[in-house]
Amino acid sequence: INQRVGSWLFLGVILTDLEFAPSLADAAAPPRGLCGTCTRC
């Protein structure tokens, strides 16, 4: 789930041996979940 777009998402990936700077400044701390106490699904 993306906070802005939601979950209707197709994903594609590119694997490469180029070493890019990660999008997250701290790669060990990805976005925290925002489901909270919701269990509707």
PDB file of all heavy atoms in Angstrom:
ATOM      1  N   ILE A   1       0.850  -1.192   0.000  1.00  0.00           N
ATOM      2  CA  ILE A   1       0.000   0.000   0.000  1.00  0.00           C
ATOM      3  C   ILE A   1       0.880   1.235   0.000  1.00  0.00           C
ATOM      4  O   ILE A   1       1.798   1.370   0.817  1.00  0.00           O
ATOM      5  CB  ILE A   1      -0.939   0.041   1.219  1.00  0.00           C
ATOM      6  CG1 ILE A   1      -1.899  -1.153   1.200  1.00  0.00           C
ATOM      7  CG2 ILE A   1      -1.740   1.337   1.238  1.00  0.00           C
ATOM      8  CD1 ILE A   1      -2.888  -1.170   2.354  1.00  0.00           C
ATOM      9  N   ASN A   2       0.596   2.125  -0.920  1.00  0.00           N
ATOM     10  CA  ASN A   2       1.236   3.436  -0.958  1.00  0.00           C
ATOM     11  C   ASN A   2       0.252   4.446  -0.393  1.00  0.00           C
ATOM     12  O   ASN A   2      -0.926   4.446  -0.756  1.00  0.00           O
ATOM     13  CB  ASN A   2       1.622   3.798  -2.392  1.00  0.00           C
ATOM     14  CG  ASN A   2       2.235   5.180  -2.499  1.00  0.00           C
ATOM     15  OD1 ASN A   2       1.527   6.174  -2.656  1.00  0.00           O
ATOM     16  ND2 ASN A   2       3.547   5.255  -2.420  1.00  0.00           N
ATOM     17  N   GLN A   3       0.729   5.326   0.480  1.00  0.00           N
ATOM     18  CA  GLN A   3      -0.159   6.246   1.180  1.00  0.00           C
ATOM     19  C   GLN A   3      -0.917   7.158   0.222  1.00  0.00           C
ATOM     20  O   GLN A   3      -2.045   7.563   0.490  1.00  0.00           O
ATOM     21  CB  GLN A   3       0.651   7.079   2.181  1.00  0.00           C
ATOM     22  CG  GLN A   3      -0.197   7.896   3.136  1.00  0.00           C
ATOM     23  CD  GLN A   3       0.624   8.479   4.267  1.00  0.00           C
ATOM     24  OE1 GLN A   3       1.834   8.257   4.358  1.00  0.00           O
ATOM     25  NE2 GLN A   3      -0.013   9.235   5.150  1.00  0.00           N
ATOM     26  N   ARG A   4      -0.325   7.468  -0.923  1.00  0.00           N
ATOM     27  CA  ARG A   4      -0.962   8.381  -1.878  1.00  0.00           C
ATOM     28  C   ARG A   4      -1.778   7.628  -2.931  1.00  0.00           C
ATOM     29  O   ARG A   4      -2.874   8.053  -3.295  1.00  0.00           O
ATOM     30  CB  ARG A   4       0.117   9.227  -2.580  1.00  0.00           C
ATOM     31  CG  ARG A   4      -0.419  10.150  -3.668  1.00  0.00           C
ATOM     32  CD  ARG A   4       0.700  11.006  -4.240  1.00  0.00           C
ATOM     33  NE  ARG A   4       1.762  10.231  -4.830  1.00  0.00           N
ATOM     34  CZ  ARG A   4       1.750   9.783  -6.088  1.00  0.00           C
ATOM     35  NH1 ARG A   4       0.711  10.024  -6.878  1.00  0.00           N
ATOM     36  NH2 ARG A   4       2.780   9.112  -6.570  1.00  0.00           N
ATOM     37  N   VAL A   5      -1.278   6.496  -3.410  1.00  0.00           N
ATOM     38  CA  VAL A   5      -1.885   5.811  -4.542  1.00  0.00           C
ATOM     39  C   VAL A   5      -2.800   4.669  -4.115  1.00  0.00           C
ATOM     40  O   VAL A   5      -3.717   4.294  -4.837  1.00  0.00           O
ATOM     41  CB  VAL A   5      -0.791   5.291  -5.500  1.00  0.00           C
ATOM     42  CG1 VAL A   5      -1.389   4.604  -6.706  1.00  0.00           C
ATOM     43  CG2 VAL A   5       0.098   6.439  -5.947  1.00  0.00           C
ATOM     44  N   GLY A   6      -2.590   4.112  -2.922  1.00  0.00           N
ATOM     45  CA  GLY A   6      -3.356   2.953  -2.498  1.00  0.00           C
ATOM     46  C   GLY A   6      -2.653   1.665  -2.889  1.00  0.00           C
ATOM     47  O   GLY A   6      -1.416   1.619  -2.975  1.00  0.00           O
ATOM     48  N   SER A   7      -3.440   0.605  -3.156  1.00  0.00           N
ATOM     49  CA  SER A   7      -2.827  -0.704  -3.423  1.00  0.00           C
ATOM     50  C   SER A   7      -3.107  -1.256  -4.809  1.00  0.00           C
ATOM     51  O   SER A   7      -2.666  -2.365  -5.139  1.00  0.00           O
ATOM     52  CB  SER A   7      -3.307  -1.735  -2.385  1.00  0.00           C
ATOM     53  OG  SER A   7      -4.685  -2.016  -2.540  1.00  0.00           O
ATOM     54  N   TRP A   8      -3.826  -0.497  -5.651  1.00  0.00           N
ATOM     55  CA  TRP A   8      -4.077  -0.987  -7.015  1.00  0.00           C
ATOM     56  C   TRP A   8      -2.818  -0.756  -7.852  1.00  0.00           C
ATOM     57  O   TRP A   8      -2.759   0.139  -8.684  1.00  0.00           O
ATOM     58  CB  TRP A   8      -5.267  -0.263  -7.642  1.00  0.00           C
ATOM     59  CG  TRP A   8      -6.528  -0.313  -6.841  1.00  0.00           C
ATOM     60  CD1 TRP A   8      -7.126   0.721  -6.190  1.00  0.00           C
ATOM     61  CD2 TRP A   8      -7.385  -1.440  -6.630  1.00  0.00           C
ATOM     62  NE1 TRP A   8      -8.286   0.315  -5.582  1.00  0.00           N
ATOM     63  CE2 TRP A   8      -8.476  -1.017  -5.843  1.00  0.00           C
ATOM     64  CE3 TRP A   8      -7.337  -2.775  -7.043  1.00  0.00           C
ATOM     65  CZ2 TRP A   8      -9.503  -1.866  -5.446  1.00  0.00           C
ATOM     66  CZ3 TRP A   8      -8.362  -3.630  -6.641  1.00  0.00           C
ATOM     67  CH2 TRP A   8      -9.419  -3.177  -5.862  1.00  0.00           C
ATOM     68  N   LEU A   9      -1.801  -1.572  -7.634  1.00  0.00           N
ATOM     69  CA  LEU A   9      -0.493  -1.326  -8.232  1.00  0.00           C
ATOM     70  C   LEU A   9       0.065  -2.578  -8.900  1.00  0.00           C
ATOM     71  O   LEU A   9       0.059  -3.671  -8.317  1.00  0.00           O
ATOM     72  CB  LEU A   9       0.503  -0.861  -7.160  1.00  0.00           C
ATOM     73  CG  LEU A   9       0.238   0.500  -6.514  1.00  0.00           C
ATOM     74  CD1 LEU A   9       1.148   0.692  -5.304  1.00  0.00           C
ATOM     75  CD2 LEU A   9       0.433   1.624  -7.525  1.00  0.00           C
ATOM     76  N   PHE A  10       0.547  -2.399 -10.129  1.00  0.00           N
ATOM     77  CA  PHE A  10       1.372  -3.401 -10.788  1.00  0.00           C
ATOM     78  C   PHE A  10       2.827  -3.049 -10.499  1.00  0.00           C
ATOM     79  O   PHE A  10       3.215  -1.876 -10.558  1.00  0.00           O
ATOM     80  CB  PHE A  10       1.168  -3.390 -12.302  1.00  0.00           C
ATOM     81  CG  PHE A  10      -0.166  -3.923 -12.752  1.00  0.00           C
ATOM     82  CD1 PHE A  10      -0.924  -3.220 -13.671  1.00  0.00           C
ATOM     83  CD2 PHE A  10      -0.645  -5.138 -12.291  1.00  0.00           C
ATOM     84  CE1 PHE A  10      -2.141  -3.707 -14.110  1.00  0.00           C
ATOM     85  CE2 PHE A  10      -1.858  -5.637 -12.726  1.00  0.00           C
ATOM     86  CZ  PHE A  10      -2.613  -4.916 -13.631  1.00  0.00           C
ATOM     87  N   LEU A  11       3.637  -4.081 -10.232  1.00  0.00           N
ATOM     88  CA  LEU A  11       5.047  -3.861  -9.907  1.00  0.00           C
ATOM     89  C   LEU A  11       5.952  -4.523 -10.942  1.00  0.00           C
ATOM     90  O   LEU A  11       5.678  -5.623 -11.410  1.00  0.00           O
ATOM     91  CB  LEU A  11       5.374  -4.427  -8.521  1.00  0.00           C
ATOM     92  CG  LEU A  11       4.609  -3.842  -7.335  1.00  0.00           C
ATOM     93  CD1 LEU A  11       4.978  -4.598  -6.063  1.00  0.00           C
ATOM     94  CD2 LEU A  11       4.911  -2.354  -7.179  1.00  0.00           C
ATOM     95  N   GLY A  12       7.025  -3.836 -11.277  1.00  0.00           N
ATOM     96  CA  GLY A  12       8.063  -4.389 -12.128  1.00  0.00           C
ATOM     97  C   GLY A  12       9.413  -4.034 -11.534  1.00  0.00           C
ATOM     98  O   GLY A  12       9.538  -3.014 -10.844  1.00  0.00           O
ATOM     99  N   VAL A  13      10.425  -4.854 -11.773  1.00  0.00           N
ATOM    100  CA  VAL A  13      11.736  -4.594 -11.188  1.00  0.00           C
ATOM    101  C   VAL A  13      12.824  -4.709 -12.245  1.00  0.00           C
ATOM    102  O   VAL A  13      12.673  -5.393 -13.256  1.00  0.00           O
ATOM    103  CB  VAL A  13      12.058  -5.576 -10.030  1.00  0.00           C
ATOM    104  CG1 VAL A  13      11.017  -5.458  -8.925  1.00  0.00           C
ATOM    105  CG2 VAL A  13      12.163  -7.005 -10.524  1.00  0.00           C
ATOM    106  N   ILE A  14      13.902  -4.003 -11.980  1.00  0.00           N
ATOM    107  CA  ILE A  14      15.136  -4.135 -12.755  1.00  0.00           C
ATOM    108  C   ILE A  14      16.243  -4.500 -11.786  1.00  0.00           C
ATOM    109  O   ILE A  14      16.485  -3.776 -10.805  1.00  0.00           O
ATOM    110  CB  ILE A  14      15.495  -2.830 -13.497  1.00  0.00           C
ATOM    111  CG1 ILE A  14      14.422  -2.477 -14.533  1.00  0.00           C
ATOM    112  CG2 ILE A  14      16.864  -2.957 -14.165  1.00  0.00           C
ATOM    113  CD1 ILE A  14      14.625  -1.111 -15.170  1.00  0.00           C
ATOM    114  N   LEU A  15      16.889  -5.627 -12.036  1.00  0.00           N
ATOM    115  CA  LEU A  15      18.062  -6.013 -11.250  1.00  0.00           C
ATOM    116  C   LEU A  15      19.297  -5.539 -12.000  1.00  0.00           C
ATOM    117  O   LEU A  15      19.423  -5.749 -13.203  1.00  0.00           O
ATOM    118  CB  LEU A  15      18.116  -7.533 -11.070  1.00  0.00           C
ATOM    119  CG  LEU A  15      16.873  -8.214 -10.481  1.00  0.00           C
ATOM    120  CD1 LEU A  15      17.129  -9.712 -10.337  1.00  0.00           C
ATOM    121  CD2 LEU A  15      16.499  -7.599  -9.153  1.00  0.00           C
ATOM    122  N   THR A  16      20.216  -4.902 -11.284  1.00  0.00           N
ATOM    123  CA  THR A  16      21.405  -4.354 -11.955  1.00  0.00           C
ATOM    124  C   THR A  16      22.621  -4.427 -11.037  1.00  0.00           C
ATOM    125  O   THR A  16      22.485  -4.432  -9.801  1.00  0.00           O
ATOM    126  CB  THR A  16      21.168  -2.894 -12.387  1.00  0.00           C
ATOM    127  OG1 THR A  16      22.344  -2.393 -13.026  1.00  0.00           O
ATOM    128  CG2 THR A  16      20.807  -2.009 -11.210  1.00  0.00           C
ATOM    129  N   ASP A  17      23.796  -4.498 -11.670  1.00  0.00           N
ATOM    130  CA  ASP A  17      25.031  -4.469 -10.877  1.00  0.00           C
ATOM    131  C   ASP A  17      25.533  -3.046 -10.654  1.00  0.00           C
ATOM    132  O   ASP A  17      26.587  -2.847 -10.038  1.00  0.00           O
ATOM    133  CB  ASP A  17      26.122  -5.333 -11.524  1.00  0.00           C
ATOM    134  CG  ASP A  17      26.437  -4.937 -12.958  1.00  0.00           C
ATOM    135  OD1 ASP A  17      25.889  -3.920 -13.435  1.00  0.00           O
ATOM    136  OD2 ASP A  17      27.233  -5.644 -13.609  1.00  0.00           O
ATOM    137  N   LEU A  18      24.795  -2.064 -11.147  1.00  0.00           N
ATOM    138  CA  LEU A  18      25.101  -0.678 -10.783  1.00  0.00           C
ATOM    139  C   LEU A  18      24.683  -0.443  -9.340  1.00  0.00           C
ATOM    140  O   LEU A  18      23.622  -0.900  -8.909  1.00  0.00           O
ATOM    141  CB  LEU A  18      24.354   0.295 -11.698  1.00  0.00           C
ATOM    142  CG  LEU A  18      24.773   0.342 -13.161  1.00  0.00           C
ATOM    143  CD1 LEU A  18      23.837   1.247 -13.955  1.00  0.00           C
ATOM    144  CD2 LEU A  18      26.219   0.813 -13.299  1.00  0.00           C
ATOM    145  N   GLU A  19      25.491   0.278  -8.610  1.00  0.00           N
ATOM    146  CA  GLU A  19      25.170   0.543  -7.204  1.00  0.00           C
ATOM    147  C   GLU A  19      24.616   1.962  -7.072  1.00  0.00           C
ATOM    148  O   GLU A  19      25.356   2.935  -7.031  1.00  0.00           O
ATOM    149  CB  GLU A  19      26.398   0.370  -6.314  1.00  0.00           C
ATOM    150  CG  GLU A  19      26.059   0.449  -4.829  1.00  0.00           C
ATOM    151  CD  GLU A  19      27.242   0.105  -3.941  1.00  0.00           C
ATOM    152  OE1 GLU A  19      28.373   0.010  -4.462  1.00  0.00           O
ATOM    153  OE2 GLU A  19      27.042  -0.049  -2.728  1.00  0.00           O
ATOM    154  N   PHE A  20      23.297   2.051  -7.049  1.00  0.00           N
ATOM    155  CA  PHE A  20      22.634   3.340  -6.873  1.00  0.00           C
ATOM    156  C   PHE A  20      22.496   3.664  -5.393  1.00  0.00           C
ATOM    157  O   PHE A  20      22.416   2.767  -4.550  1.00  0.00           O
ATOM    158  CB  PHE A  20      21.231   3.313  -7.486  1.00  0.00           C
ATOM    159  CG  PHE A  20      21.200   3.288  -8.987  1.00  0.00           C
ATOM    160  CD1 PHE A  20      21.171   2.095  -9.680  1.00  0.00           C
ATOM    161  CD2 PHE A  20      21.196   4.474  -9.718  1.00  0.00           C
ATOM    162  CE1 PHE A  20      21.120   2.062 -11.066  1.00  0.00           C
ATOM    163  CE2 PHE A  20      21.153   4.454 -11.102  1.00  0.00           C
ATOM    164  CZ  PHE A  20      21.117   3.248 -11.780  1.00  0.00           C
ATOM    165  N   ALA A  21      22.434   4.943  -5.102  1.00  0.00           N
ATOM    166  CA  ALA A  21      22.070   5.344  -3.750  1.00  0.00           C
ATOM    167  C   ALA A  21      20.626   4.912  -3.514  1.00  0.00           C
ATOM    168  O   ALA A  21      19.748   5.194  -4.325  1.00  0.00           O
ATOM    169  CB  ALA A  21      22.197   6.857  -3.589  1.00  0.00           C
ATOM    170  N   PRO A  22      20.342   4.205  -2.411  1.00  0.00           N
ATOM    171  CA  PRO A  22      18.967   3.762  -2.154  1.00  0.00           C
ATOM    172  C   PRO A  22      18.020   4.959  -2.006  1.00  0.00           C
ATOM    173  O   PRO A  22      18.432   6.050  -1.601  1.00  0.00           O
ATOM    174  CB  PRO A  22      19.084   2.998  -0.832  1.00  0.00           C
ATOM    175  CG  PRO A  22      20.524   2.627  -0.716  1.00  0.00           C
ATOM    176  CD  PRO A  22      21.278   3.743  -1.378  1.00  0.00           C
ATOM    177  N   SER A  23      16.775   4.738  -2.357  1.00  0.00           N
ATOM    178  CA  SER A  23      15.783   5.805  -2.212  1.00  0.00           C
ATOM    179  C   SER A  23      15.576   6.186  -0.754  1.00  0.00           C
ATOM    180  O   SER A  23      15.275   7.337  -0.436  1.00  0.00           O
ATOM    181  CB  SER A  23      14.448   5.364  -2.827  1.00  0.00           C
ATOM    182  OG  SER A  23      14.580   5.149  -4.210  1.00  0.00           O
ATOM    183  N   LEU A  24      15.714   5.206   0.141  1.00  0.00           N
ATOM    184  CA  LEU A  24      15.589   5.477   1.566  1.00  0.00           C
ATOM    185  C   LEU A  24      16.955   5.790   2.142  1.00  0.00           C
ATOM    186  O   LEU A  24      17.921   5.048   1.923  1.00  0.00           O
ATOM    187  CB  LEU A  24      14.991   4.268   2.284  1.00  0.00           C
ATOM    188  CG  LEU A  24      13.568   3.871   1.881  1.00  0.00           C
ATOM    189  CD1 LEU A  24      13.161   2.604   2.617  1.00  0.00           C
ATOM    190  CD2 LEU A  24      12.595   5.003   2.186  1.00  0.00           C
ATOM    191  N   ALA A  25      17.031   6.875   2.879  1.00  0.00           N
ATOM    192  CA  ALA A  25      18.307   7.253   3.486  1.00  0.00           C
ATOM    193  C   ALA A  25      18.811   6.154   4.414  1.00  0.00           C
ATOM    194  O   ALA A  25      20.001   5.866   4.486  1.00  0.00           O
ATOM    195  CB  ALA A  25      18.153   8.569   4.247  1.00  0.00           C
ATOM    196  N   ASP A  26      17.870   5.523   5.119  1.00  0.00           N
ATOM    197  CA  ASP A  26      18.214   4.401   5.993  1.00  0.00           C
ATOM    198  C   ASP A  26      17.535   3.163   5.430  1.00  0.00           C
ATOM    199  O   ASP A  26      16.338   2.939   5.634  1.00  0.00           O
ATOM    200  CB  ASP A  26      17.738   4.676   7.423  1.00  0.00           C
ATOM    201  CG  ASP A  26      18.158   3.569   8.388  1.00  0.00           C
ATOM    202  OD1 ASP A  26      18.762   2.576   7.927  1.00  0.00           O
ATOM    203  OD2 ASP A  26      17.875   3.694   9.597  1.00  0.00           O
ATOM    204  N   ALA A  27      18.296   2.368   4.683  1.00  0.00           N
ATOM    205  CA  ALA A  27      17.720   1.200   4.020  1.00  0.00           C
ATOM    206  C   ALA A  27      17.188   0.185   5.014  1.00  0.00           C
ATOM    207  O   ALA A  27      16.353  -0.655   4.672  1.00  0.00           O
ATOM    208  CB  ALA A  27      18.767   0.543   3.124  1.00  0.00           C
ATOM    209  N   ALA A  28      17.641   0.259   6.252  1.00  0.00           N
ATOM    210  CA  ALA A  28      17.182  -0.686   7.271  1.00  0.00           C
ATOM    211  C   ALA A  28      15.882  -0.238   7.918  1.00  0.00           C
ATOM    212  O   ALA A  28      15.339  -0.933   8.780  1.00  0.00           O
ATOM    213  CB  ALA A  28      18.264  -0.862   8.339  1.00  0.00           C
ATOM    214  N   ALA A  29      15.379   0.927   7.526  1.00  0.00           N
ATOM    215  CA  ALA A  29      14.158   1.458   8.143  1.00  0.00           C
ATOM    216  C   ALA A  29      13.152   1.824   7.062  1.00  0.00           C
ATOM    217  O   ALA A  29      12.940   3.000   6.759  1.00  0.00           O
ATOM    218  CB  ALA A  29      14.486   2.673   9.013  1.00  0.00           C
ATOM    219  N   PRO A  30      12.519   0.821   6.442  1.00  0.00           N
ATOM    220  CA  PRO A  30      11.516   1.096   5.396  1.00  0.00           C
ATOM    221  C   PRO A  30      10.273   1.743   5.997  1.00  0.00           C
ATOM    222  O   PRO A  30      10.131   1.818   7.224  1.00  0.00           O
ATOM    223  CB  PRO A  30      11.205  -0.299   4.843  1.00  0.00           C
ATOM    224  CG  PRO A  30      11.527  -1.234   5.969  1.00  0.00           C
ATOM    225  CD  PRO A  30      12.672  -0.617   6.691  1.00  0.00           C
ATOM    226  N   PRO A  31       9.353   2.220   5.156  1.00  0.00           N
ATOM    227  CA  PRO A  31       8.161   2.902   5.674  1.00  0.00           C
ATOM    228  C   PRO A  31       7.401   2.031   6.670  1.00  0.00           C
ATOM    229  O   PRO A  31       7.228   0.829   6.466  1.00  0.00           O
ATOM    230  CB  PRO A  31       7.318   3.140   4.414  1.00  0.00           C
ATOM    231  CG  PRO A  31       8.308   3.127   3.292  1.00  0.00           C
ATOM    232  CD  PRO A  31       9.367   2.160   3.690  1.00  0.00           C
ATOM    233  N   ARG A  32       6.981   2.633   7.760  1.00  0.00           N
ATOM    234  CA  ARG A  32       6.230   1.879   8.759  1.00  0.00           C
ATOM    235  C   ARG A  32       4.809   1.634   8.251  1.00  0.00           C
ATOM    236  O   ARG A  32       4.258   2.401   7.472  1.00  0.00           O
ATOM    237  CB  ARG A  32       6.185   2.648  10.086  1.00  0.00           C
ATOM    238  CG  ARG A  32       5.412   3.948  10.050  1.00  0.00           C
ATOM    239  CD  ARG A  32       5.504   4.670  11.383  1.00  0.00           C
ATOM    240  NE  ARG A  32       4.709   5.904  11.385  1.00  0.00           N
ATOM    241  CZ  ARG A  32       3.425   5.959  11.728  1.00  0.00           C
ATOM    242  NH1 ARG A  32       2.810   4.840  12.107  1.00  0.00           N
ATOM    243  NH2 ARG A  32       2.767   7.087  11.705  1.00  0.00           N
ATOM    244  N   GLY A  33       4.245   0.538   8.699  1.00  0.00           N
ATOM    245  CA  GLY A  33       2.897   0.200   8.294  1.00  0.00           C
ATOM    246  C   GLY A  33       1.875   1.153   8.886  1.00  0.00           C
ATOM    247  O   GLY A  33       2.021   1.617  10.022  1.00  0.00           O
ATOM    248  N   LEU A  34       0.856   1.454   8.110  1.00  0.00           N
ATOM    249  CA  LEU A  34      -0.185   2.374   8.561  1.00  0.00           C
ATOM    250  C   LEU A  34      -1.553   1.695   8.581  1.00  0.00           C
ATOM    251  O   LEU A  34      -2.580   2.352   8.429  1.00  0.00           O
ATOM    252  CB  LEU A  34      -0.217   3.611   7.652  1.00  0.00           C
ATOM    253  CG  LEU A  34       1.049   4.485   7.655  1.00  0.00           C
ATOM    254  CD1 LEU A  34       0.913   5.626   6.652  1.00  0.00           C
ATOM    255  CD2 LEU A  34       1.306   5.044   9.060  1.00  0.00           C
ATOM    256  N   CYS A  35      -1.568   0.384   8.782  1.00  0.00           N
ATOM    257  CA  CYS A  35      -2.845  -0.319   8.908  1.00  0.00           C
ATOM    258  C   CYS A  35      -3.480  -0.078  10.276  1.00  0.00           C
ATOM    259  O   CYS A  35      -4.706  -0.183  10.414  1.00  0.00           O
ATOM    260  CB  CYS A  35      -2.649  -1.823   8.703  1.00  0.00           C
ATOM    261  SG  CYS A  35      -2.221  -2.289   7.013  1.00  0.00           S
ATOM    262  N   GLY A  36      -2.642   0.200  11.244  1.00  0.00           N
ATOM    263  CA  GLY A  36      -3.156   0.436  12.588  1.00  0.00           C
ATOM    264  C   GLY A  36      -3.916  -0.768  13.119  1.00  0.00           C
ATOM    265  O   GLY A  36      -3.489  -1.912  12.962  1.00  0.00           O
ATOM    266  N   THR A  37      -5.076  -0.509  13.750  1.00  0.00           N
ATOM    267  CA  THR A  37      -5.883  -1.590  14.304  1.00  0.00           C
ATOM    268  C   THR A  37      -6.908  -2.119  13.302  1.00  0.00           C
ATOM    269  O   THR A  37      -7.691  -3.007  13.625  1.00  0.00           O
ATOM    270  CB  THR A  37      -6.618  -1.109  15.569  1.00  0.00           C
ATOM    271  OG1 THR A  37      -7.468  -0.002  15.216  1.00  0.00           O
ATOM    272  CG2 THR A  37      -5.633  -0.668  16.641  1.00  0.00           C
ATOM    273  N   CYS A  38      -6.928  -1.582  12.093  1.00  0.00           N
ATOM    274  CA  CYS A  38      -7.912  -1.973  11.081  1.00  0.00           C
ATOM    275  C   CYS A  38      -7.719  -3.435  10.667  1.00  0.00           C
ATOM    276  O   CYS A  38      -6.594  -3.874  10.418  1.00  0.00           O
ATOM    277  CB  CYS A  38      -7.786  -1.076   9.858  1.00  0.00           C
ATOM    278  SG  CYS A  38      -8.952  -1.484   8.531  1.00  0.00           S
ATOM    279  N   THR A  39      -8.818  -4.168  10.608  1.00  0.00           N
ATOM    280  CA  THR A  39      -8.788  -5.561  10.138  1.00  0.00           C
ATOM    281  C   THR A  39      -9.875  -5.803   9.088  1.00  0.00           C
ATOM    282  O   THR A  39     -10.348  -6.930   8.921  1.00  0.00           O
ATOM    283  CB  THR A  39      -8.984  -6.538  11.312  1.00  0.00           C
ATOM    284  OG1 THR A  39     -10.246  -6.253  11.952  1.00  0.00           O
ATOM    285  CG2 THR A  39      -7.854  -6.433  12.315  1.00  0.00           C
ATOM    286  N   ARG A  40     -10.269  -4.761   8.380  1.00  0.00           N
ATOM    287  CA  ARG A  40     -11.377  -4.906   7.428  1.00  0.00           C
ATOM    288  C   ARG A  40     -11.076  -5.936   6.357  1.00  0.00           C
ATOM    289  O   ARG A  40     -11.962  -6.680   5.929  1.00  0.00           O
ATOM    290  CB  ARG A  40     -11.692  -3.548   6.797  1.00  0.00           C
ATOM    291  CG  ARG A  40     -12.236  -2.541   7.791  1.00  0.00           C
ATOM    292  CD  ARG A  40     -12.665  -1.260   7.120  1.00  0.00           C
ATOM    293  NE  ARG A  40     -13.028  -0.259   8.118  1.00  0.00           N
ATOM    294  CZ  ARG A  40     -13.532   0.932   7.841  1.00  0.00           C
ATOM    295  NH1 ARG A  40     -13.719   1.271   6.573  1.00  0.00           N
ATOM    296  NH2 ARG A  40     -13.840   1.782   8.799  1.00  0.00           N
ATOM    297  N   CYS A  41      -9.844  -5.983   5.877  1.00  0.00           N
ATOM    298  CA  CYS A  41      -9.496  -6.949   4.834  1.00  0.00           C
ATOM    299  C   CYS A  41      -9.644  -8.372   5.348  1.00  0.00           C
ATOM    300  O   CYS A  41     -10.165  -9.257   4.648  1.00  0.00           O
ATOM    301  CB  CYS A  41      -8.086  -6.692   4.322  1.00  0.00           C
ATOM    302  SG  CYS A  41      -6.799  -6.705   5.595  1.00  0.00           S
TER     303      CYS A  41
END
